[in-house]
Amino acid sequence: MEQALTRLGEEQSVAGKGEVFAQLKDYLWGEGSGTGYVEAAARLGLTEGALKVTVHRLRHRFRELLREEVAQTVAAVHEIDEELRYLVSVIRG
């Protein structure tokens, strides 16, 4: 997970969106660190709708990168989804 998060951060930095990513990375697994979308959008100078789209895109790309990272740890492609389900179950407790 850390590798996928690092890669996503690097991609965002290269795209000139490093500061936005830094403020939104806590939203990858939920609503962030107690800050609602309205507050986060205001802080970033975005509309709430634009912030939600940005978070959605970040989550989508994070899932892709996480899938790539997990693929490197399993013996066969068909094991990726099972490993991801296990990972999510461990994180959510």
PDB file of N, CA and C in Angstrom:
ATOM      1  N   MET A   1       0.825  -1.190   0.000  1.00  0.00           N
ATOM      2  CA  MET A   1       0.000   0.000   0.000  1.00  0.00           C
ATOM      3  C   MET A   1       0.867   1.249   0.000  1.00  0.00           C
ATOM      4  N   GLU A   2       1.911   1.196   0.783  1.00  0.00           N
ATOM      5  CA  GLU A   2       2.810   2.360   0.866  1.00  0.00           C
ATOM      6  C   GLU A   2       3.449   2.655  -0.484  1.00  0.00           C
ATOM      7  N   GLN A   3       3.831   1.594  -1.201  1.00  0.00           N
ATOM      8  CA  GLN A   3       4.415   1.767  -2.527  1.00  0.00           C
ATOM      9  C   GLN A   3       3.422   2.432  -3.480  1.00  0.00           C
ATOM     10  N   ALA A   4       2.176   1.976  -3.455  1.00  0.00           N
ATOM     11  CA  ALA A   4       1.154   2.548  -4.328  1.00  0.00           C
ATOM     12  C   ALA A   4       0.909   4.007  -3.968  1.00  0.00           C
ATOM     13  N   LEU A   5       0.865   4.312  -2.695  1.00  0.00           N
ATOM     14  CA  LEU A   5       0.651   5.686  -2.244  1.00  0.00           C
ATOM     15  C   LEU A   5       1.825   6.577  -2.656  1.00  0.00           C
ATOM     16  N   THR A   6       3.031   6.059  -2.522  1.00  0.00           N
ATOM     17  CA  THR A   6       4.217   6.814  -2.925  1.00  0.00           C
ATOM     18  C   THR A   6       4.203   7.086  -4.420  1.00  0.00           C
ATOM     19  N   ARG A   7       3.879   6.060  -5.196  1.00  0.00           N
ATOM     20  CA  ARG A   7       3.820   6.241  -6.656  1.00  0.00           C
ATOM     21  C   ARG A   7       2.770   7.266  -7.054  1.00  0.00           C
ATOM     22  N   LEU A   8       1.606   7.204  -6.400  1.00  0.00           N
ATOM     23  CA  LEU A   8       0.546   8.165  -6.700  1.00  0.00           C
ATOM     24  C   LEU A   8       1.010   9.578  -6.361  1.00  0.00           C
ATOM     25  N   GLY A   9       1.653   9.738  -5.229  1.00  0.00           N
ATOM     26  CA  GLY A   9       2.168  11.053  -4.843  1.00  0.00           C
ATOM     27  C   GLY A   9       3.183  11.579  -5.844  1.00  0.00           C
ATOM     28  N   GLU A  10       4.045  10.705  -6.310  1.00  0.00           N
ATOM     29  CA  GLU A  10       5.042  11.105  -7.307  1.00  0.00           C
ATOM     30  C   GLU A  10       4.377  11.515  -8.620  1.00  0.00           C
ATOM     31  N   GLU A  11       3.381  10.751  -9.045  1.00  0.00           N
ATOM     32  CA  GLU A  11       2.650  11.103 -10.269  1.00  0.00           C
ATOM     33  C   GLU A  11       1.992  12.473 -10.135  1.00  0.00           C
ATOM     34  N   GLN A  12       1.387  12.699  -8.986  1.00  0.00           N
ATOM     35  CA  GLN A  12       0.708  13.962  -8.769  1.00  0.00           C
ATOM     36  C   GLN A  12       1.693  15.131  -8.728  1.00  0.00           C
ATOM     37  N   SER A  13       2.850  14.910  -8.136  1.00  0.00           N
ATOM     38  CA  SER A  13       3.879  15.952  -8.091  1.00  0.00           C
ATOM     39  C   SER A  13       4.359  16.310  -9.490  1.00  0.00           C
ATOM     40  N   VAL A  14       4.615  15.289 -10.302  1.00  0.00           N
ATOM     41  CA  VAL A  14       5.061  15.512 -11.676  1.00  0.00           C
ATOM     42  C   VAL A  14       4.005  16.296 -12.460  1.00  0.00           C
ATOM     43  N   ALA A  15       2.737  16.042 -12.164  1.00  0.00           N
ATOM     44  CA  ALA A  15       1.633  16.722 -12.850  1.00  0.00           C
ATOM     45  C   ALA A  15       1.364  18.109 -12.261  1.00  0.00           C
ATOM     46  N   GLY A  16       2.164  18.523 -11.270  1.00  0.00           N
ATOM     47  CA  GLY A  16       1.973  19.835 -10.661  1.00  0.00           C
ATOM     48  C   GLY A  16       0.850  19.873  -9.647  1.00  0.00           C
ATOM     49  N   LYS A  17       0.442  18.702  -9.157  1.00  0.00           N
ATOM     50  CA  LYS A  17      -0.678  18.615  -8.223  1.00  0.00           C
ATOM     51  C   LYS A  17      -0.253  18.038  -6.872  1.00  0.00           C
ATOM     52  N   GLY A  18       1.008  18.200  -6.553  1.00  0.00           N
ATOM     53  CA  GLY A  18       1.538  17.634  -5.317  1.00  0.00           C
ATOM     54  C   GLY A  18       0.876  18.177  -4.070  1.00  0.00           C
ATOM     55  N   GLU A  19       0.611  19.479  -4.043  1.00  0.00           N
ATOM     56  CA  GLU A  19      -0.015  20.090  -2.860  1.00  0.00           C
ATOM     57  C   GLU A  19      -1.452  19.598  -2.691  1.00  0.00           C
ATOM     58  N   VAL A  20      -2.176  19.489  -3.792  1.00  0.00           N
ATOM     59  CA  VAL A  20      -3.549  18.976  -3.727  1.00  0.00           C
ATOM     60  C   VAL A  20      -3.529  17.543  -3.207  1.00  0.00           C
ATOM     61  N   PHE A  21      -2.630  16.732  -3.737  1.00  0.00           N
ATOM     62  CA  PHE A  21      -2.521  15.350  -3.280  1.00  0.00           C
ATOM     63  C   PHE A  21      -2.193  15.290  -1.795  1.00  0.00           C
ATOM     64  N   ALA A  22      -1.256  16.099  -1.360  1.00  0.00           N
ATOM     65  CA  ALA A  22      -0.852  16.095   0.050  1.00  0.00           C
ATOM     66  C   ALA A  22      -2.045  16.368   0.964  1.00  0.00           C
ATOM     67  N   GLN A  23      -2.935  17.236   0.518  1.00  0.00           N
ATOM     68  CA  GLN A  23      -4.095  17.574   1.346  1.00  0.00           C
ATOM     69  C   GLN A  23      -5.236  16.572   1.204  1.00  0.00           C
ATOM     70  N   LEU A  24      -5.234  15.790   0.137  1.00  0.00           N
ATOM     71  CA  LEU A  24      -6.360  14.871  -0.096  1.00  0.00           C
ATOM     72  C   LEU A  24      -6.016  13.398   0.093  1.00  0.00           C
ATOM     73  N   LYS A  25      -4.766  13.049   0.354  1.00  0.00           N
ATOM     74  CA  LYS A  25      -4.416  11.631   0.431  1.00  0.00           C
ATOM     75  C   LYS A  25      -5.152  10.898   1.557  1.00  0.00           C
ATOM     76  N   ASP A  26      -5.535  11.618   2.605  1.00  0.00           N
ATOM     77  CA  ASP A  26      -6.300  10.969   3.677  1.00  0.00           C
ATOM     78  C   ASP A  26      -7.711  10.581   3.226  1.00  0.00           C
ATOM     79  N   TYR A  27      -8.157  11.127   2.108  1.00  0.00           N
ATOM     80  CA  TYR A  27      -9.488  10.828   1.584  1.00  0.00           C
ATOM     81  C   TYR A  27      -9.513   9.545   0.755  1.00  0.00           C
ATOM     82  N   LEU A  28      -8.366   8.934   0.532  1.00  0.00           N
ATOM     83  CA  LEU A  28      -8.328   7.724  -0.294  1.00  0.00           C
ATOM     84  C   LEU A  28      -9.107   6.578   0.325  1.00  0.00           C
ATOM     85  N   TRP A  29      -9.201   6.540   1.665  1.00  0.00           N
ATOM     86  CA  TRP A  29      -9.916   5.458   2.353  1.00  0.00           C
ATOM     87  C   TRP A  29     -11.213   5.909   2.985  1.00  0.00           C
ATOM     88  N   GLY A  30     -11.613   7.143   2.800  1.00  0.00           N
ATOM     89  CA  GLY A  30     -12.854   7.598   3.417  1.00  0.00           C
ATOM     90  C   GLY A  30     -12.982   9.101   3.368  1.00  0.00           C
ATOM     91  N   GLU A  31     -13.577   9.668   4.382  1.00  0.00           N
ATOM     92  CA  GLU A  31     -13.870  11.100   4.422  1.00  0.00           C
ATOM     93  C   GLU A  31     -12.705  11.972   4.856  1.00  0.00           C
ATOM     94  N   GLY A  32     -11.537  11.422   4.992  1.00  0.00           N
ATOM     95  CA  GLY A  32     -10.406  12.237   5.404  1.00  0.00           C
ATOM     96  C   GLY A  32     -10.276  12.279   6.899  1.00  0.00           C
ATOM     97  N   SER A  33      -9.459  13.158   7.373  1.00  0.00           N
ATOM     98  CA  SER A  33      -9.149  13.226   8.806  1.00  0.00           C
ATOM     99  C   SER A  33     -10.068  14.198   9.520  1.00  0.00           C
ATOM    100  N   GLY A  34     -11.363  13.972   9.438  1.00  0.00           N
ATOM    101  CA  GLY A  34     -12.322  14.806  10.146  1.00  0.00           C
ATOM    102  C   GLY A  34     -12.723  16.064   9.395  1.00  0.00           C
ATOM    103  N   THR A  35     -12.070  16.362   8.306  1.00  0.00           N
ATOM    104  CA  THR A  35     -12.407  17.545   7.527  1.00  0.00           C
ATOM    105  C   THR A  35     -13.362  17.148   6.418  1.00  0.00           C
ATOM    106  N   GLY A  36     -14.501  17.796   6.361  1.00  0.00           N
ATOM    107  CA  GLY A  36     -15.481  17.484   5.334  1.00  0.00           C
ATOM    108  C   GLY A  36     -15.078  18.012   3.974  1.00  0.00           C
ATOM    109  N   TYR A  37     -15.784  17.585   2.975  1.00  0.00           N
ATOM    110  CA  TYR A  37     -15.500  18.017   1.612  1.00  0.00           C
ATOM    111  C   TYR A  37     -15.631  19.527   1.454  1.00  0.00           C
ATOM    112  N   VAL A  38     -16.609  20.126   2.092  1.00  0.00           N
ATOM    113  CA  VAL A  38     -16.818  21.572   1.943  1.00  0.00           C
ATOM    114  C   VAL A  38     -15.602  22.340   2.448  1.00  0.00           C
ATOM    115  N   GLU A  39     -15.125  21.966   3.631  1.00  0.00           N
ATOM    116  CA  GLU A  39     -13.952  22.639   4.198  1.00  0.00           C
ATOM    117  C   GLU A  39     -12.706  22.407   3.353  1.00  0.00           C
ATOM    118  N   ALA A  40     -12.506  21.171   2.930  1.00  0.00           N
ATOM    119  CA  ALA A  40     -11.325  20.852   2.124  1.00  0.00           C
ATOM    120  C   ALA A  40     -11.370  21.591   0.792  1.00  0.00           C
ATOM    121  N   ALA A  41     -12.540  21.662   0.176  1.00  0.00           N
ATOM    122  CA  ALA A  41     -12.687  22.368  -1.094  1.00  0.00           C
ATOM    123  C   ALA A  41     -12.349  23.846  -0.922  1.00  0.00           C
ATOM    124  N   ALA A  42     -12.855  24.447   0.134  1.00  0.00           N
ATOM    125  CA  ALA A  42     -12.577  25.866   0.393  1.00  0.00           C
ATOM    126  C   ALA A  42     -11.079  26.090   0.594  1.00  0.00           C
ATOM    127  N   ARG A  43     -10.449  25.204   1.329  1.00  0.00           N
ATOM    128  CA  ARG A  43      -9.019  25.315   1.602  1.00  0.00           C
ATOM    129  C   ARG A  43      -8.202  25.242   0.311  1.00  0.00           C
ATOM    130  N   LEU A  44      -8.670  24.439  -0.642  1.00  0.00           N
ATOM    131  CA  LEU A  44      -7.948  24.251  -1.901  1.00  0.00           C
ATOM    132  C   LEU A  44      -8.417  25.186  -3.011  1.00  0.00           C
ATOM    133  N   GLY A  45      -9.445  25.978  -2.726  1.00  0.00           N
ATOM    134  CA  GLY A  45      -9.961  26.878  -3.738  1.00  0.00           C
ATOM    135  C   GLY A  45     -10.744  26.175  -4.830  1.00  0.00           C
ATOM    136  N   LEU A  46     -11.383  25.068  -4.468  1.00  0.00           N
ATOM    137  CA  LEU A  46     -12.189  24.282  -5.406  1.00  0.00           C
ATOM    138  C   LEU A  46     -13.646  24.315  -4.982  1.00  0.00           C
ATOM    139  N   THR A  47     -14.521  23.988  -5.908  1.00  0.00           N
ATOM    140  CA  THR A  47     -15.909  23.779  -5.521  1.00  0.00           C
ATOM    141  C   THR A  47     -15.996  22.396  -4.879  1.00  0.00           C
ATOM    142  N   GLU A  48     -17.047  22.145  -4.145  1.00  0.00           N
ATOM    143  CA  GLU A  48     -17.221  20.829  -3.540  1.00  0.00           C
ATOM    144  C   GLU A  48     -17.300  19.757  -4.626  1.00  0.00           C
ATOM    145  N   GLY A  49     -17.993  20.059  -5.705  1.00  0.00           N
ATOM    146  CA  GLY A  49     -18.107  19.102  -6.811  1.00  0.00           C
ATOM    147  C   GLY A  49     -16.758  18.777  -7.425  1.00  0.00           C
ATOM    148  N   ALA A  50     -15.942  19.802  -7.639  1.00  0.00           N
ATOM    149  CA  ALA A  50     -14.606  19.588  -8.210  1.00  0.00           C
ATOM    150  C   ALA A  50     -13.739  18.761  -7.264  1.00  0.00           C
ATOM    151  N   LEU A  51     -13.876  19.001  -5.974  1.00  0.00           N
ATOM    152  CA  LEU A  51     -13.115  18.236  -4.997  1.00  0.00           C
ATOM    153  C   LEU A  51     -13.529  16.765  -5.028  1.00  0.00           C
ATOM    154  N   LYS A  52     -14.830  16.517  -5.095  1.00  0.00           N
ATOM    155  CA  LYS A  52     -15.310  15.136  -5.141  1.00  0.00           C
ATOM    156  C   LYS A  52     -14.804  14.410  -6.377  1.00  0.00           C
ATOM    157  N   VAL A  53     -14.777  15.099  -7.513  1.00  0.00           N
ATOM    158  CA  VAL A  53     -14.262  14.496  -8.742  1.00  0.00           C
ATOM    159  C   VAL A  53     -12.775  14.194  -8.587  1.00  0.00           C
ATOM    160  N   THR A  54     -12.035  15.119  -7.995  1.00  0.00           N
ATOM    161  CA  THR A  54     -10.604  14.927  -7.777  1.00  0.00           C
ATOM    162  C   THR A  54     -10.350  13.729  -6.866  1.00  0.00           C
ATOM    163  N   VAL A  55     -11.093  13.630  -5.784  1.00  0.00           N
ATOM    164  CA  VAL A  55     -10.940  12.501  -4.865  1.00  0.00           C
ATOM    165  C   VAL A  55     -11.295  11.191  -5.577  1.00  0.00           C
ATOM    166  N   HIS A  56     -12.366  11.210  -6.359  1.00  0.00           N
ATOM    167  CA  HIS A  56     -12.765  10.011  -7.108  1.00  0.00           C
ATOM    168  C   HIS A  56     -11.638   9.560  -8.033  1.00  0.00           C
ATOM    169  N   ARG A  57     -11.030  10.497  -8.746  1.00  0.00           N
ATOM    170  CA  ARG A  57      -9.941  10.159  -9.668  1.00  0.00           C
ATOM    171  C   ARG A  57      -8.714   9.645  -8.921  1.00  0.00           C
ATOM    172  N   LEU A  58      -8.415  10.267  -7.792  1.00  0.00           N
ATOM    173  CA  LEU A  58      -7.282   9.801  -6.984  1.00  0.00           C
ATOM    174  C   LEU A  58      -7.527   8.375  -6.485  1.00  0.00           C
ATOM    175  N   ARG A  59      -8.739   8.107  -6.027  1.00  0.00           N
ATOM    176  CA  ARG A  59      -9.063   6.760  -5.544  1.00  0.00           C
ATOM    177  C   ARG A  59      -8.941   5.736  -6.667  1.00  0.00           C
ATOM    178  N   HIS A  60      -9.429   6.106  -7.832  1.00  0.00           N
ATOM    179  CA  HIS A  60      -9.373   5.203  -8.984  1.00  0.00           C
ATOM    180  C   HIS A  60      -7.912   4.876  -9.335  1.00  0.00           C
ATOM    181  N   ARG A  61      -7.091   5.901  -9.418  1.00  0.00           N
ATOM    182  CA  ARG A  61      -5.680   5.679  -9.758  1.00  0.00           C
ATOM    183  C   ARG A  61      -4.965   4.911  -8.650  1.00  0.00           C
ATOM    184  N   PHE A  62      -5.294   5.192  -7.391  1.00  0.00           N
ATOM    185  CA  PHE A  62      -4.701   4.462  -6.278  1.00  0.00           C
ATOM    186  C   PHE A  62      -5.030   2.976  -6.377  1.00  0.00           C
ATOM    187  N   ARG A  63      -6.294   2.665  -6.709  1.00  0.00           N
ATOM    188  CA  ARG A  63      -6.684   1.259  -6.870  1.00  0.00           C
ATOM    189  C   ARG A  63      -5.860   0.588  -7.973  1.00  0.00           C
ATOM    190  N   GLU A  64      -5.666   1.308  -9.086  1.00  0.00           N
ATOM    191  CA  GLU A  64      -4.867   0.745 -10.176  1.00  0.00           C
ATOM    192  C   GLU A  64      -3.432   0.459  -9.725  1.00  0.00           C
ATOM    193  N   LEU A  65      -2.849   1.424  -9.040  1.00  0.00           N
ATOM    194  CA  LEU A  65      -1.469   1.263  -8.581  1.00  0.00           C
ATOM    195  C   LEU A  65      -1.358   0.171  -7.528  1.00  0.00           C
ATOM    196  N   LEU A  66      -2.333   0.101  -6.636  1.00  0.00           N
ATOM    197  CA  LEU A  66      -2.333  -0.933  -5.610  1.00  0.00           C
ATOM    198  C   LEU A  66      -2.439  -2.316  -6.255  1.00  0.00           C
ATOM    199  N   ARG A  67      -3.270  -2.420  -7.251  1.00  0.00           N
ATOM    200  CA  ARG A  67      -3.421  -3.681  -7.978  1.00  0.00           C
ATOM    201  C   ARG A  67      -2.091  -4.090  -8.611  1.00  0.00           C
ATOM    202  N   GLU A  68      -1.376  -3.124  -9.203  1.00  0.00           N
ATOM    203  CA  GLU A  68      -0.072  -3.413  -9.801  1.00  0.00           C
ATOM    204  C   GLU A  68       0.926  -3.897  -8.745  1.00  0.00           C
ATOM    205  N   GLU A  69       0.907  -3.243  -7.591  1.00  0.00           N
ATOM    206  CA  GLU A  69       1.828  -3.630  -6.517  1.00  0.00           C
ATOM    207  C   GLU A  69       1.505  -5.035  -5.999  1.00  0.00           C
ATOM    208  N   VAL A  70       0.234  -5.331  -5.811  1.00  0.00           N
ATOM    209  CA  VAL A  70      -0.170  -6.656  -5.325  1.00  0.00           C
ATOM    210  C   VAL A  70       0.170  -7.723  -6.362  1.00  0.00           C
ATOM    211  N   ALA A  71       0.030  -7.384  -7.632  1.00  0.00           N
ATOM    212  CA  ALA A  71       0.339  -8.342  -8.694  1.00  0.00           C
ATOM    213  C   ALA A  71       1.784  -8.820  -8.615  1.00  0.00           C
ATOM    214  N   GLN A  72       2.660  -7.994  -8.085  1.00  0.00           N
ATOM    215  CA  GLN A  72       4.073  -8.373  -7.955  1.00  0.00           C
ATOM    216  C   GLN A  72       4.320  -9.328  -6.790  1.00  0.00           C
ATOM    217  N   THR A  73       3.309  -9.510  -5.929  1.00  0.00           N
ATOM    218  CA  THR A  73       3.506 -10.332  -4.729  1.00  0.00           C
ATOM    219  C   THR A  73       2.805 -11.685  -4.789  1.00  0.00           C
ATOM    220  N   VAL A  74       2.047 -11.937  -5.837  1.00  0.00           N
ATOM    221  CA  VAL A  74       1.315 -13.203  -5.937  1.00  0.00           C
ATOM    222  C   VAL A  74       1.878 -14.051  -7.073  1.00  0.00           C
ATOM    223  N   ALA A  75       1.590 -15.327  -7.007  1.00  0.00           N
ATOM    224  CA  ALA A  75       2.133 -16.258  -7.999  1.00  0.00           C
ATOM    225  C   ALA A  75       1.359 -16.232  -9.317  1.00  0.00           C
ATOM    226  N   ALA A  76       0.061 -15.937  -9.249  1.00  0.00           N
ATOM    227  CA  ALA A  76      -0.766 -15.974 -10.460  1.00  0.00           C
ATOM    228  C   ALA A  76      -1.744 -14.800 -10.480  1.00  0.00           C
ATOM    229  N   VAL A  77      -2.102 -14.386 -11.666  1.00  0.00           N
ATOM    230  CA  VAL A  77      -2.988 -13.241 -11.846  1.00  0.00           C
ATOM    231  C   VAL A  77      -4.323 -13.426 -11.126  1.00  0.00           C
ATOM    232  N   HIS A  78      -4.846 -14.643 -11.127  1.00  0.00           N
ATOM    233  CA  HIS A  78      -6.153 -14.881 -10.508  1.00  0.00           C
ATOM    234  C   HIS A  78      -6.120 -14.685  -8.987  1.00  0.00           C
ATOM    235  N   GLU A  79      -4.945 -14.581  -8.400  1.00  0.00           N
ATOM    236  CA  GLU A  79      -4.836 -14.391  -6.953  1.00  0.00           C
ATOM    237  C   GLU A  79      -4.901 -12.914  -6.532  1.00  0.00           C
ATOM    238  N   ILE A  80      -4.824 -12.000  -7.486  1.00  0.00           N
ATOM    239  CA  ILE A  80      -4.780 -10.571  -7.164  1.00  0.00           C
ATOM    240  C   ILE A  80      -6.032 -10.123  -6.417  1.00  0.00           C
ATOM    241  N   ASP A  81      -7.202 -10.441  -6.948  1.00  0.00           N
ATOM    242  CA  ASP A  81      -8.446  -9.998  -6.313  1.00  0.00           C
ATOM    243  C   ASP A  81      -8.602 -10.566  -4.909  1.00  0.00           C
ATOM    244  N   GLU A  82      -8.244 -11.822  -4.736  1.00  0.00           N
ATOM    245  CA  GLU A  82      -8.333 -12.444  -3.410  1.00  0.00           C
ATOM    246  C   GLU A  82      -7.406 -11.725  -2.422  1.00  0.00           C
ATOM    247  N   GLU A  83      -6.213 -11.425  -2.870  1.00  0.00           N
ATOM    248  CA  GLU A  83      -5.243 -10.727  -2.013  1.00  0.00           C
ATOM    249  C   GLU A  83      -5.725  -9.322  -1.668  1.00  0.00           C
ATOM    250  N   LEU A  84      -6.314  -8.639  -2.642  1.00  0.00           N
ATOM    251  CA  LEU A  84      -6.852  -7.297  -2.381  1.00  0.00           C
ATOM    252  C   LEU A  84      -8.008  -7.345  -1.379  1.00  0.00           C
ATOM    253  N   ARG A  85      -8.889  -8.334  -1.518  1.00  0.00           N
ATOM    254  CA  ARG A  85      -9.989  -8.478  -0.563  1.00  0.00           C
ATOM    255  C   ARG A  85      -9.455  -8.720   0.844  1.00  0.00           C
ATOM    256  N   TYR A  86      -8.444  -9.557   0.949  1.00  0.00           N
ATOM    257  CA  TYR A  86      -7.838  -9.824   2.254  1.00  0.00           C
ATOM    258  C   TYR A  86      -7.225  -8.549   2.833  1.00  0.00           C
ATOM    259  N   LEU A  87      -6.515  -7.817   2.013  1.00  0.00           N
ATOM    260  CA  LEU A  87      -5.881  -6.578   2.452  1.00  0.00           C
ATOM    261  C   LEU A  87      -6.918  -5.591   2.992  1.00  0.00           C
ATOM    262  N   VAL A  88      -7.996  -5.419   2.258  1.00  0.00           N
ATOM    263  CA  VAL A  88      -9.065  -4.513   2.693  1.00  0.00           C
ATOM    264  C   VAL A  88      -9.699  -4.997   3.990  1.00  0.00           C
ATOM    265  N   SER A  89      -9.897  -6.303   4.130  1.00  0.00           N
ATOM    266  CA  SER A  89     -10.502  -6.828   5.356  1.00  0.00           C
ATOM    267  C   SER A  89      -9.603  -6.585   6.568  1.00  0.00           C
ATOM    268  N   VAL A  90      -8.309  -6.679   6.382  1.00  0.00           N
ATOM    269  CA  VAL A  90      -7.363  -6.430   7.471  1.00  0.00           C
ATOM    270  C   VAL A  90      -7.373  -4.963   7.865  1.00  0.00           C
ATOM    271  N   ILE A  91      -7.406  -4.103   6.877  1.00  0.00           N
ATOM    272  CA  ILE A  91      -7.381  -2.657   7.146  1.00  0.00           C
ATOM    273  C   ILE A  91      -8.655  -2.203   7.843  1.00  0.00           C
ATOM    274  N   ARG A  92      -9.765  -2.702   7.400  1.00  0.00           N
ATOM    275  CA  ARG A  92     -11.050  -2.271   7.982  1.00  0.00           C
ATOM    276  C   ARG A  92     -11.349  -2.954   9.303  1.00  0.00           C
ATOM    277  N   GLY A  93     -10.556  -3.938   9.642  1.00  0.00           N
ATOM    278  CA  GLY A  93     -10.660  -4.592  10.943  1.00  0.00           C
ATOM    279  C   GLY A  93     -11.791  -5.503  11.052  1.00  0.00           C
TER     280      GLY A  93
END
